[in-house]
């Protein structure tokens, strides 16, 4: 007979002003840091034994950098990462006549000027691998003295009443109950929080799988202003982007996310083999064959367009991938989660510190769901379909045509939704209601 798990109860001394966050990824830790800076006690529970190191997000738009700047981490991000002026779409590699390959022609470029800093506070696209951002947020959050991260704690139960939530986690045979005023589920696409709250995801999953590959490589077709390149192809579409500043004549750490052929019969346990991953890079990278790339790590994953039916149940709310999932073309996934975090913290600060009604959580839930459904979902869907095209005809796409003939005014108009629809002025909305 299995032994009965022992139980303990964890309650903050400042119970009426504490928040429990499920998930120690960048969205959960960003939320913890921001709340702690406002004087709110936070516990974070994480089922894994350490911070995540998977090759995922790398780029952050100004809309997300505004949120990160409020947390005081932007200077450290700029020091650890680098800023690019935009990205481009290219045709696939082609033979160079000497036994190797060269990059395909540029189809269009999307410049994101650094001088947007003058009007929005930050500018360009900042590149920093997600694990490095996660570590930075962890260090900043725990340094406040108000954030405690509990590793190897798996969420198994949520209860709530009119005044608090009680969440039970399990580690080995020990169950711990955390009591808090509010719970934030930031525990990713397989969110236990969302499942325990019985909140379904609505949308669809794409049939393609992506392989994310981190590798060292010297790019002979270096374009320092537009180092991120979306490769247009009906089957093997994807993106190549540097993870570190690119220097001519030197090897750089890159990320390649490439779509697999749906007819690929490679067994799942061989997908991440050096031979299979190398064969994928050979479809994407320029240079002689065999390719001169050192593979660091790879990860196979499916892609989705999914949104939770609601982002709120009582005193529990969802943020980031726990609330919504989109394909990675365009780099809007984690940035959307960080913007969620900013909006949620605005609301929680008003509720906890200013005594405003906790039903303001509905404003967060509804506004962020609307931002995903009306902006992020269609934008990322079109990003994916645009890249998954015949490279000989993709120039007919309206956006690429505009970019190739873009005046500063057109570029500004194209960028406005990133601030007016993606971000939400929570305080402004609340001031109109109360």
Protein backbone atom coordinates (compact mmCIF):
# COMPACT_ATOMS: atom_id res chain seq x y z
CA UNK A 1 0.00 0.00 0.00
CA UNK A 2 1.32 3.42 -0.92
CA UNK A 3 2.11 5.69 1.99
CA UNK A 4 -0.16 8.68 2.55
CA UNK A 5 1.51 11.98 1.66
CA UNK A 6 2.34 14.26 4.55
CA UNK A 7 0.95 17.78 4.46
CA UNK A 8 2.13 21.26 5.35
CA UNK A 9 0.59 24.69 4.98
CA UNK A 10 2.48 27.72 3.68
CA UNK A 11 1.04 31.16 4.40
CA UNK A 12 2.75 34.50 4.08
CA UNK A 13 2.81 36.71 7.15
CA UNK A 14 1.29 39.37 4.90
CA UNK A 15 -1.43 37.03 3.73
CA UNK A 16 -3.83 39.79 2.64
CA UNK A 17 -1.26 41.19 0.24
CA UNK A 18 0.32 38.10 -1.21
CA UNK A 19 0.11 36.46 -4.61
CA UNK A 20 0.89 32.90 -5.65
CA UNK A 21 2.35 32.41 -9.12
CA UNK A 22 2.49 29.01 -10.79
CA UNK A 23 5.43 28.76 -13.17
CA UNK A 24 8.98 30.12 -12.90
CA UNK A 25 9.34 30.97 -16.56
CA UNK A 26 9.90 34.53 -17.80
CA UNK A 27 6.23 35.55 -17.56
CA UNK A 28 5.82 34.21 -14.04
CA UNK A 29 9.10 35.72 -12.83
CA UNK A 30 8.42 39.05 -14.55
CA UNK A 31 5.08 39.20 -12.74
CA UNK A 32 6.74 38.29 -9.45
CA UNK A 33 9.40 40.97 -9.86
CA UNK A 34 6.97 43.71 -10.78
CA UNK A 35 4.66 42.90 -7.83
CA UNK A 36 7.60 42.71 -5.43
CA UNK A 37 8.80 46.14 -6.55
CA UNK A 38 5.37 47.40 -5.47
CA UNK A 39 5.82 45.80 -2.03
CA UNK A 40 3.66 42.72 -2.61
CA UNK A 41 4.81 39.36 -1.23
CA UNK A 42 4.99 36.62 -3.87
CA UNK A 43 5.48 32.85 -3.81
CA UNK A 44 6.34 31.10 -7.08
CA UNK A 45 5.89 27.34 -7.44
CA UNK A 46 7.69 25.52 -10.25
CA UNK A 47 7.35 21.82 -11.03
CA UNK A 48 10.86 21.52 -12.50
CA UNK A 49 14.04 21.35 -10.44
CA UNK A 50 15.63 24.38 -12.12
CA UNK A 51 14.96 27.24 -14.51
CA UNK A 52 14.17 26.28 -18.10
CA UNK A 53 16.97 26.10 -20.67
CA UNK A 54 15.01 25.09 -23.79
CA UNK A 55 15.75 26.98 -27.06
CA UNK A 56 12.66 29.15 -27.32
CA UNK A 57 12.12 32.92 -27.63
CA UNK A 58 14.99 35.24 -28.47
CA UNK A 59 13.59 38.58 -29.71
CA UNK A 60 11.58 41.29 -27.94
CA UNK A 61 9.73 44.15 -29.56
CA UNK A 62 9.54 47.64 -28.08
CA UNK A 63 6.01 46.91 -26.82
CA UNK A 64 7.41 44.23 -24.50
CA UNK A 65 10.54 46.21 -23.66
CA UNK A 66 8.35 48.95 -22.20
CA UNK A 67 6.98 46.38 -19.75
CA UNK A 68 10.47 45.11 -18.91
CA UNK A 69 11.75 48.65 -18.45
CA UNK A 70 9.16 49.17 -15.69
CA UNK A 71 10.78 46.26 -13.87
CA UNK A 72 14.24 47.79 -14.09
CA UNK A 73 15.75 44.95 -16.13
CA UNK A 74 16.09 46.64 -19.52
CA UNK A 75 19.63 48.04 -18.94
CA UNK A 76 20.85 44.56 -17.99
CA UNK A 77 19.12 43.08 -21.04
CA UNK A 78 20.75 45.63 -23.34
CA UNK A 79 24.13 44.82 -21.79
CA UNK A 80 23.70 41.04 -22.17
CA UNK A 81 21.98 41.09 -25.57
CA UNK A 82 22.01 43.31 -28.64
CA UNK A 83 19.61 45.45 -30.67
CA UNK A 84 18.80 44.88 -34.33
CA UNK A 85 17.18 47.22 -36.80
CA UNK A 86 14.68 44.68 -38.16
CA UNK A 87 14.43 41.47 -40.16
CA UNK A 88 14.03 40.32 -43.75
CA UNK A 89 12.31 37.70 -45.90
CA UNK A 90 14.50 35.67 -48.25
CA UNK A 91 14.17 33.04 -50.91
CA UNK A 92 15.71 29.64 -50.02
CA UNK A 93 19.41 28.96 -50.45
CA UNK A 94 20.60 28.29 -54.00
CA UNK A 95 23.63 26.58 -55.49
CA UNK A 96 26.66 28.83 -55.96
CA UNK A 97 28.18 26.85 -58.85
CA UNK A 98 31.16 25.77 -56.73
CA UNK A 99 29.60 22.89 -54.83
CA UNK A 100 28.16 25.05 -52.09
CA UNK A 101 25.19 27.30 -51.48
CA UNK A 102 24.52 30.99 -51.05
CA UNK A 103 21.58 32.72 -49.39
CA UNK A 104 18.56 33.36 -51.58
CA UNK A 105 17.62 36.84 -52.71
CA UNK A 106 16.05 39.27 -50.26
CA UNK A 107 12.31 39.54 -50.94
CA UNK A 108 11.60 42.38 -48.50
CA UNK A 109 12.98 44.05 -45.38
CA UNK A 110 11.11 45.28 -42.32
CA UNK A 111 13.15 48.05 -40.69
CA UNK A 112 12.34 48.74 -37.05
CA UNK A 113 14.22 51.98 -36.39
CA UNK A 114 16.12 52.45 -33.18
CA UNK A 115 14.84 56.05 -33.09
CA UNK A 116 11.40 54.76 -32.00
CA UNK A 117 13.00 55.20 -28.59
CA UNK A 118 12.22 58.90 -28.85
CA UNK A 119 8.46 58.30 -28.95
CA UNK A 120 8.01 55.05 -27.05
CA UNK A 121 10.95 54.90 -24.62
CA UNK A 122 12.67 51.96 -26.30
CA UNK A 123 13.55 51.12 -29.89
CA UNK A 124 14.51 48.38 -32.33
CA UNK A 125 14.30 44.66 -31.54
CA UNK A 126 16.31 43.43 -28.55
CA UNK A 127 17.82 39.95 -28.86
CA UNK A 128 18.45 37.88 -25.74
CA UNK A 129 17.85 34.11 -25.44
CA UNK A 130 14.91 33.27 -23.21
CA UNK A 131 16.98 31.27 -20.66
CA UNK A 132 19.18 34.33 -20.08
CA UNK A 133 16.15 36.57 -19.54
CA UNK A 134 14.64 33.99 -17.17
CA UNK A 135 17.83 33.87 -15.11
CA UNK A 136 18.02 37.67 -14.97
CA UNK A 137 14.39 37.96 -13.82
CA UNK A 138 14.95 35.24 -11.22
CA UNK A 139 17.97 37.04 -9.76
CA UNK A 140 16.20 40.41 -9.70
CA UNK A 141 13.01 38.99 -8.21
CA UNK A 142 14.62 36.98 -5.42
CA UNK A 143 16.93 39.90 -4.59
CA UNK A 144 13.90 41.95 -3.51
CA UNK A 145 13.44 39.70 -0.48
CA UNK A 146 9.72 39.50 -1.23
CA UNK A 147 9.81 36.66 -3.78
CA UNK A 148 10.36 33.01 -2.88
CA UNK A 149 10.66 30.40 -5.62
CA UNK A 150 9.78 26.82 -4.67
CA UNK A 151 11.19 24.28 -7.15
CA UNK A 152 9.95 20.72 -7.69
CA UNK A 153 6.44 21.62 -6.54
CA UNK A 154 3.72 20.22 -8.82
CA UNK A 155 0.32 21.89 -8.59
CA UNK A 156 -2.39 19.30 -7.88
CA UNK A 157 -5.36 21.21 -6.46
CA UNK A 158 -6.88 24.71 -6.35
CA UNK A 159 -9.60 25.85 -3.97
CA UNK A 160 -10.93 29.36 -3.54
CA UNK A 161 -13.53 31.32 -1.65
CA UNK A 162 -14.59 34.96 -1.38
CA UNK A 163 -11.39 36.00 0.39
CA UNK A 164 -8.49 33.79 -0.74
CA UNK A 165 -7.18 30.88 -2.77
CA UNK A 166 -5.60 27.69 -1.47
CA UNK A 167 -3.34 25.82 -3.87
CA UNK A 168 -1.89 22.43 -3.04
CA UNK A 169 1.37 21.20 -4.52
CA UNK A 170 3.17 17.89 -4.23
CA UNK A 171 6.87 17.15 -4.00
CA UNK A 172 7.68 13.47 -3.65
CA UNK A 173 5.24 12.37 -0.90
CA UNK A 174 4.86 15.78 0.70
CA UNK A 175 1.86 17.98 -0.01
CA UNK A 176 2.06 21.70 0.70
CA UNK A 177 -0.86 24.10 0.67
CA UNK A 178 -0.16 27.71 -0.25
CA UNK A 179 -2.71 30.33 0.74
CA UNK A 180 -2.79 33.65 -1.07
CA UNK A 181 -5.06 36.49 -2.07
CA UNK A 182 -4.68 35.75 -5.79
CA UNK A 183 -3.22 33.07 -8.03
CA UNK A 184 -1.52 33.67 -11.39
CA UNK A 185 -1.18 30.70 -13.72
CA UNK A 186 1.93 31.31 -15.84
CA UNK A 187 2.82 27.66 -16.23
CA UNK A 188 3.00 27.35 -20.00
CA UNK A 189 1.04 25.66 -22.75
CA UNK A 190 0.44 22.50 -20.70
CA UNK A 191 -0.77 24.65 -17.80
CA UNK A 192 -1.88 22.65 -14.76
CA UNK A 193 -3.55 25.83 -13.51
CA UNK A 194 -5.75 26.08 -16.59
CA UNK A 195 -6.65 22.39 -16.43
CA UNK A 196 -7.52 22.46 -12.71
CA UNK A 197 -9.72 25.51 -13.31
CA UNK A 198 -11.42 23.55 -16.12
CA UNK A 199 -10.74 26.27 -18.70
CA UNK A 200 -10.60 24.89 -22.26
CA UNK A 201 -8.39 26.09 -25.10
CA UNK A 202 -10.12 27.18 -28.30
CA UNK A 203 -8.47 27.23 -31.71
CA UNK A 204 -6.36 24.82 -33.73
CA UNK A 205 -2.96 23.19 -33.97
CA UNK A 206 -0.95 23.38 -37.17
CA UNK A 207 -0.02 20.08 -38.86
CA UNK A 208 3.65 21.05 -39.19
CA UNK A 209 6.31 20.47 -36.57
CA UNK A 210 9.24 22.83 -36.03
CA UNK A 211 12.78 21.95 -35.08
CA UNK A 212 14.55 24.68 -33.11
CA UNK A 213 18.32 24.34 -33.46
CA UNK A 214 21.03 26.32 -31.68
CA UNK A 215 24.36 26.18 -33.52
CA UNK A 216 27.67 27.98 -34.04
CA UNK A 217 28.21 29.27 -37.57
CA UNK A 218 30.06 31.89 -39.57
CA UNK A 219 27.60 33.58 -41.94
CA UNK A 220 29.27 34.41 -45.27
CA UNK A 221 26.24 36.53 -46.26
CA UNK A 222 26.34 38.76 -43.20
CA UNK A 223 23.79 41.59 -43.10
CA UNK A 224 24.43 43.27 -39.73
CA UNK A 225 21.36 45.51 -39.95
CA UNK A 226 18.93 42.67 -40.76
CA UNK A 227 20.55 39.55 -39.27
CA UNK A 228 17.21 37.75 -38.71
CA UNK A 229 16.05 36.09 -41.90
CA UNK A 230 12.69 34.47 -42.59
CA UNK A 231 13.15 31.78 -45.22
CA UNK A 232 10.18 31.47 -47.57
CA UNK A 233 9.42 27.94 -48.75
CA UNK A 234 6.21 25.88 -49.01
CA UNK A 235 7.67 22.99 -46.96
CA UNK A 236 10.96 23.90 -45.25
CA UNK A 237 10.06 27.43 -44.19
CA UNK A 238 11.52 28.96 -41.07
CA UNK A 239 13.74 31.61 -39.56
CA UNK A 240 17.45 32.01 -38.90
CA UNK A 241 18.43 34.50 -36.22
CA UNK A 242 21.59 35.26 -34.23
CA UNK A 243 21.59 34.76 -30.47
CA UNK A 244 24.72 36.85 -29.98
CA UNK A 245 26.10 39.92 -31.78
CA UNK A 246 27.34 39.00 -35.25
CA UNK A 247 30.93 39.84 -36.19
CA UNK A 248 32.34 39.37 -39.68
CA UNK A 249 34.84 36.53 -39.88
CA UNK A 250 33.80 35.00 -36.55
CA UNK A 251 31.53 32.17 -35.54
CA UNK A 252 28.28 33.28 -33.94
CA UNK A 253 25.65 31.41 -31.94
CA UNK A 254 22.51 31.17 -34.08
CA UNK A 255 19.00 29.78 -33.79
CA UNK A 256 17.28 28.14 -36.74
CA UNK A 257 13.62 27.16 -36.51
CA UNK A 258 12.72 25.06 -39.55
CA UNK A 259 9.51 23.30 -40.52
CA UNK A 260 9.72 19.57 -41.08
CA UNK A 261 8.23 17.90 -44.13
CA UNK A 262 4.93 16.34 -43.05
CA UNK A 263 6.01 13.22 -44.97
CA UNK A 264 9.22 12.92 -42.92
CA UNK A 265 9.20 9.36 -41.58
CA UNK A 266 12.18 9.77 -39.25
CA UNK A 267 11.38 8.01 -35.94
CA UNK A 268 10.69 10.43 -33.10
CA UNK A 269 13.65 9.14 -31.08
CA UNK A 270 15.97 10.00 -34.00
CA UNK A 271 14.60 13.47 -34.72
CA UNK A 272 17.22 15.16 -32.54
CA UNK A 273 20.11 13.05 -33.81
CA UNK A 274 23.08 14.96 -35.21
CA UNK A 275 22.50 13.40 -38.63
CA UNK A 276 18.84 14.46 -38.84
CA UNK A 277 19.40 17.94 -37.43
CA UNK A 278 22.33 18.46 -39.81
CA UNK A 279 20.14 17.46 -42.76
CA UNK A 280 17.67 20.18 -41.75
CA UNK A 281 20.38 22.83 -41.45
CA UNK A 282 21.62 21.88 -44.92
CA UNK A 283 18.24 23.00 -46.28
CA UNK A 284 18.62 26.43 -44.68
CA UNK A 285 22.27 27.50 -44.41
CA UNK A 286 24.71 28.88 -46.99
CA UNK A 287 28.29 27.75 -47.46
CA UNK A 288 30.15 24.61 -48.58
CA UNK A 289 28.93 21.08 -47.97
CA UNK A 290 29.19 19.46 -45.53
CA UNK A 291 28.08 22.51 -43.58
CA UNK A 292 30.54 23.99 -41.12
CA UNK A 293 28.10 24.32 -38.23
CA UNK A 294 28.52 23.07 -34.67
CA UNK A 295 25.16 21.96 -33.29
CA UNK A 296 24.70 22.92 -29.64
CA UNK A 297 21.15 21.71 -28.96
CA UNK A 298 17.83 21.12 -30.66
CA UNK A 299 14.20 20.76 -29.70
CA UNK A 300 11.21 19.46 -31.68
CA UNK A 301 7.81 20.99 -31.02
CA UNK A 302 4.35 21.49 -32.44
CA UNK A 303 2.82 24.87 -33.12
CA UNK A 304 -0.63 26.16 -32.29
CA UNK A 305 -3.14 28.99 -32.52
CA UNK A 306 -5.02 28.52 -29.24
CA UNK A 307 -6.67 30.81 -26.71
CA UNK A 308 -8.23 30.01 -23.34
CA UNK A 309 -12.00 30.50 -23.25
CA UNK A 310 -11.45 32.87 -20.33
CA UNK A 311 -8.35 34.21 -18.60
CA UNK A 312 -10.07 34.38 -15.19
CA UNK A 313 -11.86 32.14 -12.71
CA UNK A 314 -12.58 33.95 -9.46
CA UNK A 315 -9.29 34.96 -7.85
CA UNK A 316 -7.26 32.96 -10.38
CA UNK A 317 -5.98 34.37 -13.67
CA UNK A 318 -3.91 33.09 -16.58
CA UNK A 319 -1.01 34.79 -18.37
CA UNK A 320 1.42 33.96 -21.15
CA UNK A 321 1.32 30.54 -22.80
CA UNK A 322 -1.07 29.30 -20.12
CA UNK A 323 -3.62 31.70 -21.63
CA UNK A 324 -2.74 31.60 -25.32
CA UNK A 325 -0.42 29.96 -27.84
CA UNK A 326 0.66 31.13 -31.28
CA UNK A 327 3.17 29.96 -33.85
CA UNK A 328 6.63 31.58 -33.49
CA UNK A 329 6.88 33.25 -36.90
CA UNK A 330 7.25 36.95 -36.12
CA UNK A 331 8.50 36.41 -32.57
CA UNK A 332 5.32 37.53 -30.79
CA UNK A 333 4.82 34.67 -28.30
CA UNK A 334 6.89 35.62 -25.26
CA UNK A 335 6.51 39.33 -25.95
CA UNK A 336 2.73 38.87 -25.69
CA UNK A 337 3.18 37.08 -22.37
CA UNK A 338 5.34 39.90 -21.01
CA UNK A 339 2.70 42.43 -22.06
CA UNK A 340 0.12 40.26 -20.26
CA UNK A 341 2.31 40.48 -17.17
CA UNK A 342 2.47 44.26 -17.33
CA UNK A 343 -1.31 44.57 -17.68
CA UNK A 344 -2.00 42.07 -14.90
CA UNK A 345 0.39 43.78 -12.50
CA UNK A 346 -1.29 47.13 -13.17
CA UNK A 347 -4.62 45.58 -12.16
CA UNK A 348 -3.31 43.66 -9.13
CA UNK A 349 -1.55 46.75 -7.81
CA UNK A 350 -4.80 48.72 -8.05
CA UNK A 351 -6.72 45.96 -6.26
CA UNK A 352 -4.19 45.12 -3.54
CA UNK A 353 -2.61 48.51 -2.86
CA UNK A 354 -5.43 50.92 -3.73
CA UNK A 355 -8.38 48.87 -2.52
CA UNK A 356 -10.16 48.74 -5.85
CA UNK A 357 -12.66 45.87 -6.44
CA UNK A 358 -11.14 42.54 -7.38
CA UNK A 359 -13.61 42.18 -10.24
CA UNK A 360 -11.23 44.49 -12.09
CA UNK A 361 -9.59 41.18 -12.96
CA UNK A 362 -12.31 40.92 -15.60
CA UNK A 363 -10.83 43.94 -17.33
CA UNK A 364 -7.44 42.23 -17.49
CA UNK A 365 -8.98 38.97 -18.70
CA UNK A 366 -11.18 40.54 -21.34
CA UNK A 367 -8.70 43.09 -22.68
CA UNK A 368 -5.85 40.62 -22.99
CA UNK A 369 -8.09 38.00 -24.61
CA UNK A 370 -9.23 40.65 -27.06
CA UNK A 371 -5.63 41.65 -27.82
CA UNK A 372 -4.78 38.05 -28.62
CA UNK A 373 -7.89 37.27 -30.65
CA UNK A 374 -8.01 40.54 -32.58
CA UNK A 375 -4.28 41.21 -33.05
CA UNK A 376 -1.78 38.50 -32.06
CA UNK A 377 -3.67 35.52 -33.49
CA UNK A 378 -4.34 36.99 -36.96
CA UNK A 379 -0.90 38.63 -37.13
CA UNK A 380 1.01 35.45 -36.31
CA UNK A 381 -1.24 33.37 -38.55
CA UNK A 382 -0.44 35.62 -41.50
CA UNK A 383 3.27 35.64 -40.60
CA UNK A 384 3.26 31.86 -40.83
CA UNK A 385 1.24 31.66 -44.05
CA UNK A 386 3.40 34.36 -45.65
CA UNK A 387 6.60 32.41 -44.96
CA UNK A 388 4.97 29.12 -45.98
CA UNK A 389 4.57 30.26 -49.58
CA UNK A 390 5.98 29.80 -53.05
CA UNK A 391 9.05 32.08 -53.01
CA UNK A 392 8.52 32.96 -56.68
CA UNK A 393 5.12 34.51 -55.99
CA UNK A 394 5.30 35.72 -52.38
CA UNK A 395 6.31 39.20 -53.62
CA UNK A 396 2.64 39.63 -54.54
CA UNK A 397 1.76 39.72 -50.82
CA UNK A 398 0.39 43.16 -49.92
CA UNK A 399 2.64 43.63 -46.86
CA UNK A 400 5.83 42.77 -48.69
CA UNK A 401 4.84 45.10 -51.52
CA UNK A 402 4.31 47.92 -49.01
CA UNK A 403 7.64 47.27 -47.32
CA UNK A 404 9.51 47.44 -50.61
CA UNK A 405 8.03 50.88 -51.26
CA UNK A 406 7.69 52.08 -47.70
CA UNK A 407 7.99 55.72 -46.71
CA UNK A 408 8.69 56.63 -43.07
CA UNK A 409 4.98 57.45 -42.71
CA UNK A 410 3.90 54.00 -43.94
CA UNK A 411 6.37 52.29 -41.58
CA UNK A 412 5.01 54.35 -38.69
CA UNK A 413 1.44 53.39 -39.57
CA UNK A 414 2.40 49.71 -39.77
CA UNK A 415 3.98 49.93 -36.33
CA UNK A 416 1.15 51.69 -34.51
CA UNK A 417 -0.88 48.52 -33.76
CA UNK A 418 2.11 47.18 -31.83
CA UNK A 419 1.43 49.89 -29.27
CA UNK A 420 -2.28 50.61 -29.71
CA UNK A 421 -3.65 47.06 -30.00
CA UNK A 422 -0.98 44.80 -28.53
CA UNK A 423 -0.52 46.78 -25.32
CA UNK A 424 -3.45 47.85 -23.14
CA UNK A 425 -3.68 50.96 -20.96
CA UNK A 426 -5.21 49.29 -17.91
CA UNK A 427 -5.08 52.36 -15.71
CA UNK A 428 -6.74 54.46 -18.40
CA UNK A 429 -9.55 51.94 -18.83
CA UNK A 430 -10.13 51.67 -15.09
CA UNK A 431 -10.18 55.46 -14.67
CA UNK A 432 -13.05 55.63 -17.15
CA UNK A 433 -15.05 53.02 -15.25
CA UNK A 434 -14.52 53.96 -11.59
